């Protein structure tokens, strides 16, 4: 499976989806002008990945900030992870960022995927 990468920008997160090395991460700030356009390839990649996933899939979110439009697409990603056996989410947040911690907890309540919370 091809690696999906996107360099992070001022308003877009860095994305690395690497099936071969088992590395899955979205990090940075998510305020893309067109969230559906930005996240569309990620959702398509996950559709293909679920057909032949790794035994364990640890998906890392290291977001500093995301807008409302991005939150809908993040929930779509998390919903796709529900159908992948062995998937879990590691939700990173800055130690003093209660808003990002709470956002992760709200997502965890909405989907049936294991969540770990870590500070950085």
C-alpha atoms as a PDB file:
ATOM      1  CA  UNK A   1       0.000   0.000   0.000  1.00  0.00           C
ATOM      2  CA  UNK A   2       1.275   3.466  -0.843  1.00  0.00           C
ATOM      3  CA  UNK A   3       2.270   5.835   1.924  1.00  0.00           C
ATOM      4  CA  UNK A   4       0.042   8.888   2.195  1.00  0.00           C
ATOM      5  CA  UNK A   5       1.881  11.977   3.366  1.00  0.00           C
ATOM      6  CA  UNK A   6       1.012  15.632   3.512  1.00  0.00           C
ATOM      7  CA  UNK A   7       3.386  18.282   4.756  1.00  0.00           C
ATOM      8  CA  UNK A   8       1.855  20.380   7.458  1.00  0.00           C
ATOM      9  CA  UNK A   9       1.254  24.038   6.776  1.00  0.00           C
ATOM     10  CA  UNK A  10       0.047  27.002   8.731  1.00  0.00           C
ATOM     11  CA  UNK A  11      -3.570  25.857   8.398  1.00  0.00           C
ATOM     12  CA  UNK A  12      -3.205  22.172   7.539  1.00  0.00           C
ATOM     13  CA  UNK A  13      -1.923  19.282   9.630  1.00  0.00           C
ATOM     14  CA  UNK A  14       0.964  17.012   8.788  1.00  0.00           C
ATOM     15  CA  UNK A  15      -0.257  13.578   7.757  1.00  0.00           C
ATOM     16  CA  UNK A  16       1.667  10.299   7.613  1.00  0.00           C
ATOM     17  CA  UNK A  17      -0.168   7.067   6.879  1.00  0.00           C
ATOM     18  CA  UNK A  18       2.424   4.326   6.441  1.00  0.00           C
ATOM     19  CA  UNK A  19       1.046   0.787   6.292  1.00  0.00           C
ATOM     20  CA  UNK A  20       4.444  -0.921   5.912  1.00  0.00           C
ATOM     21  CA  UNK A  21       5.986   0.676   9.008  1.00  0.00           C
ATOM     22  CA  UNK A  22       2.773   0.838  11.003  1.00  0.00           C
ATOM     23  CA  UNK A  23       2.916   4.587  11.496  1.00  0.00           C
ATOM     24  CA  UNK A  24      -0.305   6.600  11.379  1.00  0.00           C
ATOM     25  CA  UNK A  25      -0.331  10.227  12.508  1.00  0.00           C
ATOM     26  CA  UNK A  26      -2.099  13.522  12.005  1.00  0.00           C
ATOM     27  CA  UNK A  27      -0.412  16.446  13.756  1.00  0.00           C
ATOM     28  CA  UNK A  28      -0.407  20.225  13.886  1.00  0.00           C
ATOM     29  CA  UNK A  29      -3.209  22.692  13.209  1.00  0.00           C
ATOM     30  CA  UNK A  30      -6.273  21.784  11.166  1.00  0.00           C
ATOM     31  CA  UNK A  31      -7.996  24.790   9.616  1.00  0.00           C
ATOM     32  CA  UNK A  32      -8.046  23.896   5.920  1.00  0.00           C
ATOM     33  CA  UNK A  33     -10.090  26.108   3.638  1.00  0.00           C
ATOM     34  CA  UNK A  34     -11.943  23.025   2.359  1.00  0.00           C
ATOM     35  CA  UNK A  35     -11.874  20.318   5.042  1.00  0.00           C
ATOM     36  CA  UNK A  36     -13.682  17.750   2.883  1.00  0.00           C
ATOM     37  CA  UNK A  37     -11.106  18.209   0.117  1.00  0.00           C
ATOM     38  CA  UNK A  38      -8.183  17.941   2.537  1.00  0.00           C
ATOM     39  CA  UNK A  39      -9.450  14.906   4.447  1.00  0.00           C
ATOM     40  CA  UNK A  40     -11.001  13.092   1.464  1.00  0.00           C
ATOM     41  CA  UNK A  41      -7.791  11.250   0.469  1.00  0.00           C
ATOM     42  CA  UNK A  42      -7.239  10.199   4.096  1.00  0.00           C
ATOM     43  CA  UNK A  43     -10.715   8.668   4.263  1.00  0.00           C
ATOM     44  CA  UNK A  44     -10.170   6.925   0.912  1.00  0.00           C
ATOM     45  CA  UNK A  45      -6.800   5.574   2.114  1.00  0.00           C
ATOM     46  CA  UNK A  46      -8.460   4.169   5.256  1.00  0.00           C
ATOM     47  CA  UNK A  47     -11.133   2.493   3.112  1.00  0.00           C
ATOM     48  CA  UNK A  48      -8.368   0.612   1.286  1.00  0.00           C
ATOM     49  CA  UNK A  49      -6.383  -0.020   4.471  1.00  0.00           C
ATOM     50  CA  UNK A  50      -9.288  -1.739   6.246  1.00  0.00           C
ATOM     51  CA  UNK A  51      -9.194  -4.482   3.579  1.00  0.00           C
ATOM     52  CA  UNK A  52      -5.700  -5.552   4.727  1.00  0.00           C
ATOM     53  CA  UNK A  53      -4.848  -3.884   8.031  1.00  0.00           C
ATOM     54  CA  UNK A  54      -1.903  -4.577  10.274  1.00  0.00           C
ATOM     55  CA  UNK A  55      -2.623  -6.757  13.340  1.00  0.00           C
ATOM     56  CA  UNK A  56      -2.466  -3.574  15.427  1.00  0.00           C
ATOM     57  CA  UNK A  57      -3.153  -0.062  14.219  1.00  0.00           C
ATOM     58  CA  UNK A  58      -2.117   2.770  16.513  1.00  0.00           C
ATOM     59  CA  UNK A  59      -3.428   6.028  15.076  1.00  0.00           C
ATOM     60  CA  UNK A  60      -1.838   9.113  16.627  1.00  0.00           C
ATOM     61  CA  UNK A  61      -3.533  12.487  16.800  1.00  0.00           C
ATOM     62  CA  UNK A  62      -1.220  15.316  17.873  1.00  0.00           C
ATOM     63  CA  UNK A  63      -3.403  18.269  17.055  1.00  0.00           C
ATOM     64  CA  UNK A  64      -2.763  21.694  18.518  1.00  0.00           C
ATOM     65  CA  UNK A  65      -6.032  23.100  17.219  1.00  0.00           C
ATOM     66  CA  UNK A  66      -8.829  22.195  14.834  1.00  0.00           C
ATOM     67  CA  UNK A  67     -11.890  24.053  13.598  1.00  0.00           C
ATOM     68  CA  UNK A  68     -15.479  22.838  13.557  1.00  0.00           C
ATOM     69  CA  UNK A  69     -15.315  21.661   9.940  1.00  0.00           C
ATOM     70  CA  UNK A  70     -12.223  19.594  10.741  1.00  0.00           C
ATOM     71  CA  UNK A  71     -13.891  18.045  13.787  1.00  0.00           C
ATOM     72  CA  UNK A  72     -16.542  16.467  11.550  1.00  0.00           C
ATOM     73  CA  UNK A  73     -13.862  14.892   9.345  1.00  0.00           C
ATOM     74  CA  UNK A  74     -11.847  13.753  12.369  1.00  0.00           C
ATOM     75  CA  UNK A  75     -14.985  11.997  13.583  1.00  0.00           C
ATOM     76  CA  UNK A  76     -15.294  10.398  10.126  1.00  0.00           C
ATOM     77  CA  UNK A  77     -11.720   9.090  10.460  1.00  0.00           C
ATOM     78  CA  UNK A  78     -12.469   7.722  13.921  1.00  0.00           C
ATOM     79  CA  UNK A  79     -15.630   6.077  12.608  1.00  0.00           C
ATOM     80  CA  UNK A  80     -13.604   4.294   9.925  1.00  0.00           C
ATOM     81  CA  UNK A  81     -11.203   3.059  12.612  1.00  0.00           C
ATOM     82  CA  UNK A  82     -14.162   1.345  14.322  1.00  0.00           C
ATOM     83  CA  UNK A  83     -14.264  -1.196  11.496  1.00  0.00           C
ATOM     84  CA  UNK A  84     -10.547  -2.039  11.757  1.00  0.00           C
ATOM     85  CA  UNK A  85      -9.754  -4.880  14.159  1.00  0.00           C
ATOM     86  CA  UNK A  86      -6.951  -3.979  16.569  1.00  0.00           C
ATOM     87  CA  UNK A  87      -7.246  -0.224  15.968  1.00  0.00           C
ATOM     88  CA  UNK A  88      -6.631   2.193  18.779  1.00  0.00           C
ATOM     89  CA  UNK A  89      -6.215   5.952  19.017  1.00  0.00           C
ATOM     90  CA  UNK A  90      -3.507   7.763  20.926  1.00  0.00           C
ATOM     91  CA  UNK A  91      -4.715  11.305  21.548  1.00  0.00           C
ATOM     92  CA  UNK A  92      -1.854  13.641  22.412  1.00  0.00           C
ATOM     93  CA  UNK A  93      -2.377  17.049  23.969  1.00  0.00           C
ATOM     94  CA  UNK A  94      -0.217  19.663  25.653  1.00  0.00           C
ATOM     95  CA  UNK A  95      -0.255  19.195  29.400  1.00  0.00           C
ATOM     96  CA  UNK A  96      -1.946  22.565  29.951  1.00  0.00           C
ATOM     97  CA  UNK A  97      -4.439  22.277  27.057  1.00  0.00           C
ATOM     98  CA  UNK A  98      -7.676  21.178  28.712  1.00  0.00           C
ATOM     99  CA  UNK A  99      -9.713  21.993  25.588  1.00  0.00           C
ATOM    100  CA  UNK A 100      -7.792  19.513  23.446  1.00  0.00           C
ATOM    101  CA  UNK A 101      -7.946  16.886  26.181  1.00  0.00           C
ATOM    102  CA  UNK A 102     -11.724  17.356  26.453  1.00  0.00           C
ATOM    103  CA  UNK A 103     -12.118  17.198  22.667  1.00  0.00           C
ATOM    104  CA  UNK A 104     -10.358  13.827  22.657  1.00  0.00           C
ATOM    105  CA  UNK A 105     -12.592  12.580  25.465  1.00  0.00           C
ATOM    106  CA  UNK A 106     -15.695  13.683  23.564  1.00  0.00           C
ATOM    107  CA  UNK A 107     -14.503  11.828  20.456  1.00  0.00           C
ATOM    108  CA  UNK A 108     -13.764   8.756  22.585  1.00  0.00           C
ATOM    109  CA  UNK A 109     -17.353   8.811  23.852  1.00  0.00           C
ATOM    110  CA  UNK A 110     -18.727   8.909  20.290  1.00  0.00           C
ATOM    111  CA  UNK A 111     -16.878   5.955  18.766  1.00  0.00           C
ATOM    112  CA  UNK A 112     -16.162   2.365  19.671  1.00  0.00           C
ATOM    113  CA  UNK A 113     -12.368   2.567  19.464  1.00  0.00           C
ATOM    114  CA  UNK A 114      -9.864   2.266  22.292  1.00  0.00           C
ATOM    115  CA  UNK A 115      -8.357   5.654  23.255  1.00  0.00           C
ATOM    116  CA  UNK A 116      -5.144   6.387  25.139  1.00  0.00           C
ATOM    117  CA  UNK A 117      -4.430   9.932  26.274  1.00  0.00           C
ATOM    118  CA  UNK A 118      -0.856  11.221  26.475  1.00  0.00           C
ATOM    119  CA  UNK A 119       0.672  14.595  27.126  1.00  0.00           C
ATOM    120  CA  UNK A 120       3.620  16.056  25.253  1.00  0.00           C
END
